[in-house]
Amino acid sequence: MMLAAMSNQSLVTEFILRGFSVPPPLQTLLFVLFLSLYTVALCGNSLIVAAIAASAGLHTPMYFFLVNLAVFDVICACTVVPKLLAILVAEKRSISYWGCMVQMYFLSWSVAGEVLLFTAMAYDRYVAICQPLHYSSMMSPRVCAGLAGAVWGISVFGAGVNACLVLRLTFCGPNVVDHFFCEIPPVLLLSCSPTYLNDIMSLMADIFFAVLNFAFTVVSYGVIISSILKIRTAEGKRRAFSTCSSHLLAVTLYYSTIIYTYLSPGSSYSPETGKVVAVLYSTVSPSLNLLIYTLRNKDFKAALKKVLMLTAEKLS
């Protein structure tokens, strides 16, 4: 496969990232905004991992999956934001052909991984609320490890298939990507060879990763909400709903952007709208994990305080 890709080496050796069409003063403002979001994403997700690792009380399936989600968020942010910051301050907005391919691969990998993790987390919440007596057996360490392994394996394979399909294309003419990073829909628009197979396989991947996983999550939460409504006490309902409300908020934000972006292949893709939704899932969403999932949780706040105090002691 790699030899075939090398023999089909594109005439285009680099792509130009158009970025945002805004005046220079606004570009400076955007630079500060995205640098701030990037810093929050890296620091926030690192704190999530550190706090969970340092607290034995947080070694539960929910927080195990949250650690995996934090890792995928860091991969996504590191794939997109550094190059975005560079094109906001540099006159030359180029990215090499292979740099573009690598960026597409890692972005597809992180997006697919997060979608699958959302499904695993929805299943965890379903078992916790609807099957509480069987939770320890249905979400045992072996089951959690198997689910996490499936998430990583399937996402790596899915991203690899899409990357190989793009490598077989020829790029011999326009090389301006109307985006701030290399994403499959805008890059396919530049191909000199037919992209019919790419569109078909992308659609199949979208149906599996986005539509089916979203449907599973919606069904899970339908059953969860139905079970919560059957709880007799108001306090019981509040506690049950608080365990899944954060996940539901994150899922809604993420899927609303992903489904638009990756279910708009070919000529139906709108670059300007694509940039807006890409900002949400590639920079904003990774920055919100600490706020959405943890700051309302007393156990996590205690673990986070412990980590921060230990860090301050070592630095002093």
C-alpha atoms as a PDB file:
ATOM      1  CA  MET A   1       0.000   0.000   0.000  1.00  0.00           C
ATOM      2  CA  MET A   2       2.810   2.413   0.926  1.00  0.00           C
ATOM      3  CA  LEU A   3       4.735   1.602  -2.264  1.00  0.00           C
ATOM      4  CA  ALA A   4       1.619   2.322  -4.305  1.00  0.00           C
ATOM      5  CA  ALA A   5       1.245   5.633  -2.513  1.00  0.00           C
ATOM      6  CA  MET A   6       4.890   6.507  -3.202  1.00  0.00           C
ATOM      7  CA  SER A   7       4.541   5.678  -6.912  1.00  0.00           C
ATOM      8  CA  ASN A   8       1.523   7.930  -7.053  1.00  0.00           C
ATOM      9  CA  GLN A   9       3.473  10.806  -5.449  1.00  0.00           C
ATOM     10  CA  SER A  10       1.574  14.044  -5.902  1.00  0.00           C
ATOM     11  CA  LEU A  11       2.908  16.850  -8.078  1.00  0.00           C
ATOM     12  CA  VAL A  12       1.910  19.160  -5.245  1.00  0.00           C
ATOM     13  CA  THR A  13       4.680  19.182  -2.632  1.00  0.00           C
ATOM     14  CA  GLU A  14       2.977  21.581  -0.239  1.00  0.00           C
ATOM     15  CA  PHE A  15      -0.424  23.050   0.519  1.00  0.00           C
ATOM     16  CA  ILE A  16      -1.304  26.594   1.499  1.00  0.00           C
ATOM     17  CA  LEU A  17      -3.656  26.971   4.454  1.00  0.00           C
ATOM     18  CA  ARG A  18      -5.904  29.943   3.830  1.00  0.00           C
ATOM     19  CA  GLY A  19      -6.905  30.272   7.472  1.00  0.00           C
ATOM     20  CA  PHE A  20      -9.284  33.035   8.508  1.00  0.00           C
ATOM     21  CA  SER A  21     -10.078  35.937   6.197  1.00  0.00           C
ATOM     22  CA  VAL A  22      -9.897  38.680   8.813  1.00  0.00           C
ATOM     23  CA  PRO A  23      -7.948  41.983   9.150  1.00  0.00           C
ATOM     24  CA  PRO A  24      -4.518  41.901  10.925  1.00  0.00           C
ATOM     25  CA  PRO A  25      -5.829  43.339  14.235  1.00  0.00           C
ATOM     26  CA  LEU A  26      -8.393  40.539  14.430  1.00  0.00           C
ATOM     27  CA  GLN A  27      -5.717  37.978  13.598  1.00  0.00           C
ATOM     28  CA  THR A  28      -3.810  39.139  16.672  1.00  0.00           C
ATOM     29  CA  LEU A  29      -6.951  38.757  18.741  1.00  0.00           C
ATOM     30  CA  LEU A  30      -7.514  35.274  17.306  1.00  0.00           C
ATOM     31  CA  PHE A  31      -3.910  34.352  18.115  1.00  0.00           C
ATOM     32  CA  VAL A  32      -4.387  35.322  21.764  1.00  0.00           C
ATOM     33  CA  LEU A  33      -7.735  33.490  21.908  1.00  0.00           C
ATOM     34  CA  PHE A  34      -6.446  30.229  20.416  1.00  0.00           C
ATOM     35  CA  LEU A  35      -3.227  30.348  22.451  1.00  0.00           C
ATOM     36  CA  SER A  36      -5.352  30.712  25.590  1.00  0.00           C
ATOM     37  CA  LEU A  37      -7.619  27.807  24.583  1.00  0.00           C
ATOM     38  CA  TYR A  38      -4.570  25.676  23.749  1.00  0.00           C
ATOM     39  CA  THR A  39      -2.997  26.404  27.131  1.00  0.00           C
ATOM     40  CA  VAL A  40      -6.231  25.583  28.926  1.00  0.00           C
ATOM     41  CA  ALA A  41      -6.625  22.352  26.924  1.00  0.00           C
ATOM     42  CA  LEU A  42      -3.103  21.138  27.717  1.00  0.00           C
ATOM     43  CA  CYS A  43      -3.095  22.202  31.366  1.00  0.00           C
ATOM     44  CA  GLY A  44      -6.704  21.185  32.055  1.00  0.00           C
ATOM     45  CA  ASN A  45      -6.449  17.711  30.550  1.00  0.00           C
ATOM     46  CA  SER A  46      -3.048  17.138  32.187  1.00  0.00           C
ATOM     47  CA  LEU A  47      -4.586  18.048  35.553  1.00  0.00           C
ATOM     48  CA  ILE A  48      -7.430  15.601  34.910  1.00  0.00           C
ATOM     49  CA  VAL A  49      -4.974  12.763  34.302  1.00  0.00           C
ATOM     50  CA  ALA A  50      -2.764  13.710  37.264  1.00  0.00           C
ATOM     51  CA  ALA A  51      -5.653  14.106  39.725  1.00  0.00           C
ATOM     52  CA  ILE A  52      -7.262  10.806  38.749  1.00  0.00           C
ATOM     53  CA  ALA A  53      -3.945   8.938  38.834  1.00  0.00           C
ATOM     54  CA  ALA A  54      -3.101  10.352  42.290  1.00  0.00           C
ATOM     55  CA  SER A  55      -6.458   9.573  43.927  1.00  0.00           C
ATOM     56  CA  ALA A  56      -7.403   5.946  44.580  1.00  0.00           C
ATOM     57  CA  GLY A  57     -11.006   7.030  45.140  1.00  0.00           C
ATOM     58  CA  LEU A  58     -11.234   8.102  41.489  1.00  0.00           C
ATOM     59  CA  HIS A  59     -10.091   4.761  40.092  1.00  0.00           C
ATOM     60  CA  THR A  60     -13.558   3.959  38.747  1.00  0.00           C
ATOM     61  CA  PRO A  61     -14.764   3.185  35.207  1.00  0.00           C
ATOM     62  CA  MET A  62     -16.147   6.715  34.683  1.00  0.00           C
ATOM     63  CA  TYR A  63     -12.834   8.363  35.509  1.00  0.00           C
ATOM     64  CA  PHE A  64     -10.879   5.683  33.618  1.00  0.00           C
ATOM     65  CA  PHE A  65     -12.729   6.654  30.449  1.00  0.00           C
ATOM     66  CA  LEU A  66     -12.284  10.341  31.292  1.00  0.00           C
ATOM     67  CA  VAL A  67      -8.496   9.842  31.330  1.00  0.00           C
ATOM     68  CA  ASN A  68      -8.709   8.316  27.851  1.00  0.00           C
ATOM     69  CA  LEU A  69     -10.868  11.235  26.704  1.00  0.00           C
ATOM     70  CA  ALA A  70      -8.312  13.708  28.081  1.00  0.00           C
ATOM     71  CA  VAL A  71      -5.555  11.988  26.086  1.00  0.00           C
ATOM     72  CA  PHE A  72      -7.586  12.201  22.872  1.00  0.00           C
ATOM     73  CA  ASP A  73      -8.313  15.874  23.590  1.00  0.00           C
ATOM     74  CA  VAL A  74      -4.590  16.575  23.906  1.00  0.00           C
ATOM     75  CA  ILE A  75      -3.890  14.720  20.633  1.00  0.00           C
ATOM     76  CA  CYS A  76      -6.586  16.750  18.861  1.00  0.00           C
ATOM     77  CA  ALA A  77      -5.387  20.094  20.238  1.00  0.00           C
ATOM     78  CA  CYS A  78      -1.712  19.370  19.489  1.00  0.00           C
ATOM     79  CA  THR A  79      -2.594  18.289  15.950  1.00  0.00           C
ATOM     80  CA  VAL A  80      -4.480  21.472  15.071  1.00  0.00           C
ATOM     81  CA  VAL A  81      -3.567  24.450  17.235  1.00  0.00           C
ATOM     82  CA  PRO A  82       0.240  24.803  16.827  1.00  0.00           C
ATOM     83  CA  LYS A  83      -0.055  25.112  13.035  1.00  0.00           C
ATOM     84  CA  LEU A  84      -3.044  27.424  13.447  1.00  0.00           C
ATOM     85  CA  LEU A  85      -1.006  29.732  15.688  1.00  0.00           C
ATOM     86  CA  ALA A  86       1.824  29.673  13.145  1.00  0.00           C
ATOM     87  CA  ILE A  87      -0.336  30.733  10.204  1.00  0.00           C
ATOM     88  CA  LEU A  88      -1.858  33.542  12.269  1.00  0.00           C
ATOM     89  CA  VAL A  89       1.552  35.185  12.754  1.00  0.00           C
ATOM     90  CA  ALA A  90       3.530  34.057   9.688  1.00  0.00           C
ATOM     91  CA  GLU A  91       3.275  35.372   6.146  1.00  0.00           C
ATOM     92  CA  LYS A  92       4.008  31.906   4.764  1.00  0.00           C
ATOM     93  CA  ARG A  93       1.044  29.644   5.448  1.00  0.00           C
ATOM     94  CA  SER A  94       2.328  26.464   3.855  1.00  0.00           C
ATOM     95  CA  ILE A  95       2.289  22.895   5.098  1.00  0.00           C
ATOM     96  CA  SER A  96       4.149  20.084   3.363  1.00  0.00           C
ATOM     97  CA  TYR A  97       2.274  17.348   1.528  1.00  0.00           C
ATOM     98  CA  TRP A  98       3.242  14.741   4.119  1.00  0.00           C
ATOM     99  CA  GLY A  99       2.648  17.185   6.957  1.00  0.00           C
ATOM    100  CA  CYS A 100      -0.890  17.623   5.654  1.00  0.00           C
ATOM    101  CA  MET A 101      -1.417  13.865   5.440  1.00  0.00           C
ATOM    102  CA  VAL A 102      -0.119  13.343   8.978  1.00  0.00           C
ATOM    103  CA  GLN A 103      -2.346  16.119  10.306  1.00  0.00           C
ATOM    104  CA  MET A 104      -5.411  14.566   8.647  1.00  0.00           C
ATOM    105  CA  TYR A 105      -4.559  11.158  10.094  1.00  0.00           C
ATOM    106  CA  PHE A 106      -4.120  12.298  13.686  1.00  0.00           C
ATOM    107  CA  LEU A 107      -7.202  14.506  13.531  1.00  0.00           C
ATOM    108  CA  SER A 108      -9.339  11.644  12.162  1.00  0.00           C
ATOM    109  CA  TRP A 109      -7.896   9.347  14.813  1.00  0.00           C
ATOM    110  CA  SER A 110      -8.686  11.680  17.712  1.00  0.00           C
ATOM    111  CA  VAL A 111     -12.184  12.489  16.435  1.00  0.00           C
ATOM    112  CA  ALA A 112     -13.063   8.809  15.939  1.00  0.00           C
ATOM    113  CA  GLY A 113     -11.600   7.941  19.340  1.00  0.00           C
ATOM    114  CA  GLU A 114     -13.623  10.613  21.141  1.00  0.00           C
ATOM    115  CA  VAL A 115     -16.862   9.537  19.461  1.00  0.00           C
ATOM    116  CA  LEU A 116     -16.290   5.903  20.465  1.00  0.00           C
ATOM    117  CA  LEU A 117     -15.370   6.955  24.004  1.00  0.00           C
ATOM    118  CA  PHE A 118     -18.611   8.897  24.312  1.00  0.00           C
ATOM    119  CA  THR A 119     -20.434   5.672  23.490  1.00  0.00           C
ATOM    120  CA  ALA A 120     -18.445   3.716  26.085  1.00  0.00           C
ATOM    121  CA  MET A 121     -19.155   6.417  28.682  1.00  0.00           C
ATOM    122  CA  ALA A 122     -22.867   6.351  27.823  1.00  0.00           C
ATOM    123  CA  TYR A 123     -22.864   2.580  28.353  1.00  0.00           C
ATOM    124  CA  ASP A 124     -21.117   3.068  31.707  1.00  0.00           C
ATOM    125  CA  ARG A 125     -23.771   5.561  32.829  1.00  0.00           C
ATOM    126  CA  TYR A 126     -26.539   3.219  31.605  1.00  0.00           C
ATOM    127  CA  VAL A 127     -25.176   0.331  33.678  1.00  0.00           C
ATOM    128  CA  ALA A 128     -24.600   2.556  36.734  1.00  0.00           C
ATOM    129  CA  ILE A 129     -28.169   3.906  36.768  1.00  0.00           C
ATOM    130  CA  CYS A 130     -30.234   1.140  35.187  1.00  0.00           C
ATOM    131  CA  GLN A 131     -28.310  -1.933  36.380  1.00  0.00           C
ATOM    132  CA  PRO A 132     -26.717  -0.785  39.669  1.00  0.00           C
ATOM    133  CA  LEU A 133     -26.706  -4.254  41.279  1.00  0.00           C
ATOM    134  CA  HIS A 134     -24.662  -5.674  38.382  1.00  0.00           C
ATOM    135  CA  TYR A 135     -22.379  -2.663  37.916  1.00  0.00           C
ATOM    136  CA  SER A 136     -19.245  -4.198  39.445  1.00  0.00           C
ATOM    137  CA  SER A 137     -19.430  -7.248  37.172  1.00  0.00           C
ATOM    138  CA  MET A 138     -20.644  -5.515  33.999  1.00  0.00           C
ATOM    139  CA  MET A 139     -17.995  -2.762  34.315  1.00  0.00           C
ATOM    140  CA  SER A 140     -15.152  -4.813  35.777  1.00  0.00           C
ATOM    141  CA  PRO A 141     -11.529  -3.740  35.118  1.00  0.00           C
ATOM    142  CA  ARG A 142     -11.284  -6.382  32.381  1.00  0.00           C
ATOM    143  CA  VAL A 143     -14.423  -5.066  30.638  1.00  0.00           C
ATOM    144  CA  CYS A 144     -13.200  -1.463  30.899  1.00  0.00           C
ATOM    145  CA  ALA A 145      -9.795  -2.417  29.494  1.00  0.00           C
ATOM    146  CA  GLY A 146     -11.496  -4.276  26.642  1.00  0.00           C
ATOM    147  CA  LEU A 147     -13.713  -1.284  25.816  1.00  0.00           C
ATOM    148  CA  ALA A 148     -10.753   1.100  25.893  1.00  0.00           C
ATOM    149  CA  GLY A 149      -8.703  -1.266  23.717  1.00  0.00           C
ATOM    150  CA  ALA A 150     -11.543  -1.433  21.195  1.00  0.00           C
ATOM    151  CA  VAL A 151     -11.809   2.367  21.140  1.00  0.00           C
ATOM    152  CA  TRP A 152      -8.096   2.813  20.411  1.00  0.00           C
ATOM    153  CA  GLY A 153      -7.891  -0.056  17.930  1.00  0.00           C
ATOM    154  CA  ILE A 154     -10.979   0.858  15.892  1.00  0.00           C
ATOM    155  CA  SER A 155     -10.088   4.559  15.788  1.00  0.00           C
ATOM    156  CA  VAL A 156      -6.518   3.818  14.620  1.00  0.00           C
ATOM    157  CA  PHE A 157      -7.823   1.470  11.901  1.00  0.00           C
ATOM    158  CA  GLY A 158     -10.545   3.860  10.729  1.00  0.00           C
ATOM    159  CA  ALA A 159      -8.155   6.802  10.490  1.00  0.00           C
ATOM    160  CA  GLY A 160      -5.633   4.613   8.658  1.00  0.00           C
ATOM    161  CA  VAL A 161      -8.164   3.568   6.019  1.00  0.00           C
ATOM    162  CA  ASN A 162      -9.127   7.176   5.308  1.00  0.00           C
ATOM    163  CA  ALA A 163      -5.459   8.238   5.181  1.00  0.00           C
ATOM    164  CA  CYS A 164      -4.562   5.484   2.683  1.00  0.00           C
ATOM    165  CA  LEU A 165      -7.485   6.481   0.464  1.00  0.00           C
ATOM    166  CA  VAL A 166      -6.277  10.085   0.407  1.00  0.00           C
ATOM    167  CA  LEU A 167      -2.693   8.983  -0.347  1.00  0.00           C
ATOM    168  CA  ARG A 168      -3.862   7.297  -3.545  1.00  0.00           C
ATOM    169  CA  LEU A 169      -5.179  10.601  -4.926  1.00  0.00           C
ATOM    170  CA  THR A 170      -3.253  12.909  -7.253  1.00  0.00           C
ATOM    171  CA  PHE A 171      -2.926  16.604  -6.456  1.00  0.00           C
ATOM    172  CA  CYS A 172      -1.625  18.373  -9.532  1.00  0.00           C
ATOM    173  CA  GLY A 173      -3.311  21.771  -9.617  1.00  0.00           C
ATOM    174  CA  PRO A 174      -4.733  24.038  -6.917  1.00  0.00           C
ATOM    175  CA  ASN A 175      -3.012  23.684  -3.556  1.00  0.00           C
ATOM    176  CA  VAL A 176      -4.861  26.239  -1.412  1.00  0.00           C
ATOM    177  CA  VAL A 177      -6.803  24.532   1.391  1.00  0.00           C
ATOM    178  CA  ASP A 178      -9.689  26.780   2.387  1.00  0.00           C
ATOM    179  CA  HIS A 179      -9.275  25.956   6.064  1.00  0.00           C
ATOM    180  CA  PHE A 180      -6.892  26.521   8.971  1.00  0.00           C
ATOM    181  CA  PHE A 181      -5.744  22.880   9.003  1.00  0.00           C
ATOM    182  CA  CYS A 182      -5.811  19.872   6.699  1.00  0.00           C
ATOM    183  CA  GLU A 183      -9.201  18.214   6.985  1.00  0.00           C
ATOM    184  CA  ILE A 184     -10.551  15.568   4.632  1.00  0.00           C
ATOM    185  CA  PRO A 185     -13.496  17.487   3.025  1.00  0.00           C
ATOM    186  CA  PRO A 186     -11.563  20.614   1.890  1.00  0.00           C
ATOM    187  CA  VAL A 187      -8.516  18.576   0.809  1.00  0.00           C
ATOM    188  CA  LEU A 188     -10.658  16.291  -1.364  1.00  0.00           C
ATOM    189  CA  LEU A 189     -11.872  19.363  -3.246  1.00  0.00           C
ATOM    190  CA  LEU A 190      -8.292  19.896  -4.525  1.00  0.00           C
ATOM    191  CA  SER A 191      -7.796  16.411  -5.968  1.00  0.00           C
ATOM    192  CA  CYS A 192      -7.179  16.052  -9.709  1.00  0.00           C
ATOM    193  CA  SER A 193      -8.308  12.434  -9.601  1.00  0.00           C
ATOM    194  CA  PRO A 194     -11.822  11.130  -8.854  1.00  0.00           C
ATOM    195  CA  THR A 195     -12.766  11.107  -5.176  1.00  0.00           C
ATOM    196  CA  TYR A 196     -15.845   8.918  -5.539  1.00  0.00           C
ATOM    197  CA  LEU A 197     -14.331   6.064  -3.499  1.00  0.00           C
ATOM    198  CA  ASN A 198     -13.165   8.522  -0.836  1.00  0.00           C
ATOM    199  CA  ASP A 199     -16.639  10.011  -0.570  1.00  0.00           C
ATOM    200  CA  ILE A 200     -18.240   6.575  -0.274  1.00  0.00           C
ATOM    201  CA  MET A 201     -15.792   5.329   2.362  1.00  0.00           C
ATOM    202  CA  SER A 202     -15.979   8.630   4.268  1.00  0.00           C
ATOM    203  CA  LEU A 203     -19.755   8.365   4.302  1.00  0.00           C
ATOM    204  CA  MET A 204     -19.575   4.780   5.561  1.00  0.00           C
ATOM    205  CA  ALA A 205     -17.147   5.833   8.297  1.00  0.00           C
ATOM    206  CA  ASP A 206     -19.418   8.739   9.218  1.00  0.00           C
ATOM    207  CA  ILE A 207     -22.422   6.455   9.478  1.00  0.00           C
ATOM    208  CA  PHE A 208     -20.505   4.128  11.801  1.00  0.00           C
ATOM    209  CA  PHE A 209     -18.584   6.638  13.918  1.00  0.00           C
ATOM    210  CA  ALA A 210     -21.085   9.489  14.052  1.00  0.00           C
ATOM    211  CA  VAL A 211     -24.615   8.314  13.253  1.00  0.00           C
ATOM    212  CA  LEU A 212     -24.637   4.844  14.849  1.00  0.00           C
ATOM    213  CA  ASN A 213     -22.696   5.920  17.931  1.00  0.00           C
ATOM    214  CA  PHE A 214     -24.897   8.984  18.308  1.00  0.00           C
ATOM    215  CA  ALA A 215     -28.014   6.801  17.992  1.00  0.00           C
ATOM    216  CA  PHE A 216     -26.662   4.383  20.626  1.00  0.00           C
ATOM    217  CA  THR A 217     -25.927   7.301  22.959  1.00  0.00           C
ATOM    218  CA  VAL A 218     -29.399   8.797  22.461  1.00  0.00           C
ATOM    219  CA  VAL A 219     -31.086   5.428  23.122  1.00  0.00           C
ATOM    220  CA  SER A 220     -28.938   4.915  26.213  1.00  0.00           C
ATOM    221  CA  TYR A 221     -29.889   8.278  27.616  1.00  0.00           C
ATOM    222  CA  GLY A 222     -33.525   7.706  26.751  1.00  0.00           C
ATOM    223  CA  VAL A 223     -33.466   4.603  28.943  1.00  0.00           C
ATOM    224  CA  ILE A 224     -31.439   6.429  31.618  1.00  0.00           C
ATOM    225  CA  ILE A 225     -33.878   9.356  31.811  1.00  0.00           C
ATOM    226  CA  SER A 226     -36.813   6.948  31.924  1.00  0.00           C
ATOM    227  CA  SER A 227     -35.199   5.151  34.876  1.00  0.00           C
ATOM    228  CA  ILE A 228     -34.431   8.438  36.646  1.00  0.00           C
ATOM    229  CA  LEU A 229     -38.055   9.550  36.359  1.00  0.00           C
ATOM    230  CA  LYS A 230     -39.117   6.362  38.140  1.00  0.00           C
ATOM    231  CA  ILE A 231     -37.044   7.242  41.202  1.00  0.00           C
ATOM    232  CA  ARG A 232     -39.456   8.314  43.938  1.00  0.00           C
ATOM    233  CA  THR A 233     -37.428  10.915  45.815  1.00  0.00           C
ATOM    234  CA  ALA A 234     -36.381  14.282  44.404  1.00  0.00           C
ATOM    235  CA  GLU A 235     -32.918  13.894  45.948  1.00  0.00           C
ATOM    236  CA  GLY A 236     -32.507  10.513  44.281  1.00  0.00           C
ATOM    237  CA  LYS A 237     -33.476  11.973  40.913  1.00  0.00           C
ATOM    238  CA  ARG A 238     -31.047  14.883  41.357  1.00  0.00           C
ATOM    239  CA  ARG A 239     -28.127  12.639  42.268  1.00  0.00           C
ATOM    240  CA  ALA A 240     -28.815  10.221  39.417  1.00  0.00           C
ATOM    241  CA  PHE A 241     -29.126  12.982  36.847  1.00  0.00           C
ATOM    242  CA  SER A 242     -25.979  14.751  38.085  1.00  0.00           C
ATOM    243  CA  THR A 243     -23.913  11.665  37.233  1.00  0.00           C
ATOM    244  CA  CYS A 244     -24.793  11.880  33.537  1.00  0.00           C
ATOM    245  CA  SER A 245     -25.665  15.536  32.825  1.00  0.00           C
ATOM    246  CA  SER A 246     -22.024  16.528  32.211  1.00  0.00           C
ATOM    247  CA  HIS A 247     -21.516  13.731  29.703  1.00  0.00           C
ATOM    248  CA  LEU A 248     -24.763  14.599  27.922  1.00  0.00           C
ATOM    249  CA  LEU A 249     -23.651  18.249  27.579  1.00  0.00           C
ATOM    250  CA  ALA A 250     -20.273  17.268  26.118  1.00  0.00           C
ATOM    251  CA  VAL A 251     -21.870  14.791  23.713  1.00  0.00           C
ATOM    252  CA  THR A 252     -24.362  17.378  22.426  1.00  0.00           C
ATOM    253  CA  LEU A 253     -21.628  19.949  21.751  1.00  0.00           C
ATOM    254  CA  TYR A 254     -19.301  17.473  20.059  1.00  0.00           C
ATOM    255  CA  TYR A 255     -21.785  15.614  17.862  1.00  0.00           C
ATOM    256  CA  SER A 256     -23.476  18.793  16.613  1.00  0.00           C
ATOM    257  CA  THR A 257     -20.177  19.870  15.045  1.00  0.00           C
ATOM    258  CA  ILE A 258     -18.815  16.497  13.926  1.00  0.00           C
ATOM    259  CA  ILE A 259     -21.974  15.367  12.151  1.00  0.00           C
ATOM    260  CA  TYR A 260     -22.085  18.589  10.114  1.00  0.00           C
ATOM    261  CA  THR A 261     -18.410  18.469   9.128  1.00  0.00           C
ATOM    262  CA  TYR A 262     -18.087  14.822   8.175  1.00  0.00           C
ATOM    263  CA  LEU A 263     -21.522  14.321   6.654  1.00  0.00           C
ATOM    264  CA  SER A 264     -20.847  17.077   4.094  1.00  0.00           C
ATOM    265  CA  PRO A 265     -18.497  15.441   1.558  1.00  0.00           C
ATOM    266  CA  GLY A 266     -17.563  16.795  -1.841  1.00  0.00           C
ATOM    267  CA  SER A 267     -19.097  19.903  -3.344  1.00  0.00           C
ATOM    268  CA  SER A 268     -21.755  20.212  -0.617  1.00  0.00           C
ATOM    269  CA  TYR A 269     -19.055  21.127   1.918  1.00  0.00           C
ATOM    270  CA  SER A 270     -19.109  24.803   2.958  1.00  0.00           C
ATOM    271  CA  PRO A 271     -15.587  26.004   3.877  1.00  0.00           C
ATOM    272  CA  GLU A 272     -16.662  29.046   5.900  1.00  0.00           C
ATOM    273  CA  THR A 273     -19.176  27.127   7.981  1.00  0.00           C
ATOM    274  CA  GLY A 274     -16.676  24.278   8.262  1.00  0.00           C
ATOM    275  CA  LYS A 275     -14.122  26.610   9.849  1.00  0.00           C
ATOM    276  CA  VAL A 276     -16.590  27.751  12.487  1.00  0.00           C
ATOM    277  CA  VAL A 277     -17.637  24.255  13.551  1.00  0.00           C
ATOM    278  CA  ALA A 278     -14.016  23.046  13.385  1.00  0.00           C
ATOM    279  CA  VAL A 279     -13.063  25.681  15.951  1.00  0.00           C
ATOM    280  CA  LEU A 280     -15.670  24.221  18.298  1.00  0.00           C
ATOM    281  CA  TYR A 281     -14.536  20.603  18.200  1.00  0.00           C
ATOM    282  CA  SER A 282     -10.782  21.106  17.679  1.00  0.00           C
ATOM    283  CA  THR A 283     -10.055  23.935  20.136  1.00  0.00           C
ATOM    284  CA  VAL A 284     -13.081  24.772  22.295  1.00  0.00           C
ATOM    285  CA  SER A 285     -14.218  21.243  23.171  1.00  0.00           C
ATOM    286  CA  PRO A 286     -10.771  20.034  24.405  1.00  0.00           C
ATOM    287  CA  SER A 287     -10.632  23.129  26.632  1.00  0.00           C
ATOM    288  CA  LEU A 288     -13.981  22.472  28.307  1.00  0.00           C
ATOM    289  CA  ASN A 289     -13.384  19.000  29.744  1.00  0.00           C
ATOM    290  CA  LEU A 290     -12.080  20.227  33.073  1.00  0.00           C
ATOM    291  CA  LEU A 291     -15.086  22.533  33.484  1.00  0.00           C
ATOM    292  CA  ILE A 292     -17.772  20.169  32.171  1.00  0.00           C
ATOM    293  CA  TYR A 293     -16.760  16.927  33.842  1.00  0.00           C
ATOM    294  CA  THR A 294     -14.949  17.752  37.028  1.00  0.00           C
ATOM    295  CA  LEU A 295     -15.425  21.135  38.685  1.00  0.00           C
ATOM    296  CA  ARG A 296     -18.902  20.195  39.960  1.00  0.00           C
ATOM    297  CA  ASN A 297     -17.604  16.946  41.482  1.00  0.00           C
ATOM    298  CA  LYS A 298     -16.508  17.174  45.128  1.00  0.00           C
ATOM    299  CA  ASP A 299     -14.283  14.078  44.962  1.00  0.00           C
ATOM    300  CA  PHE A 300     -12.426  15.339  41.928  1.00  0.00           C
ATOM    301  CA  LYS A 301     -12.031  18.844  43.360  1.00  0.00           C
ATOM    302  CA  ALA A 302     -10.457  17.317  46.475  1.00  0.00           C
ATOM    303  CA  ALA A 303      -8.067  15.248  44.342  1.00  0.00           C
ATOM    304  CA  LEU A 304      -7.234  18.284  42.189  1.00  0.00           C
ATOM    305  CA  LYS A 305      -6.528  20.384  45.277  1.00  0.00           C
ATOM    306  CA  LYS A 306      -4.190  17.662  46.531  1.00  0.00           C
ATOM    307  CA  VAL A 307      -2.269  17.604  43.229  1.00  0.00           C
ATOM    308  CA  LEU A 308      -1.974  21.398  43.128  1.00  0.00           C
ATOM    309  CA  MET A 309      -0.724  21.514  46.737  1.00  0.00           C
ATOM    310  CA  LEU A 310       1.914  18.836  46.060  1.00  0.00           C
ATOM    311  CA  THR A 311       3.015  20.693  42.935  1.00  0.00           C
ATOM    312  CA  ALA A 312       3.272  23.972  44.827  1.00  0.00           C
ATOM    313  CA  GLU A 313       5.361  22.292  47.543  1.00  0.00           C
ATOM    314  CA  LYS A 314       7.793  20.883  44.987  1.00  0.00           C
ATOM    315  CA  LEU A 315       8.146  24.257  43.263  1.00  0.00           C
ATOM    316  CA  SER A 316       8.677  26.182  46.509  1.00  0.00           C
END
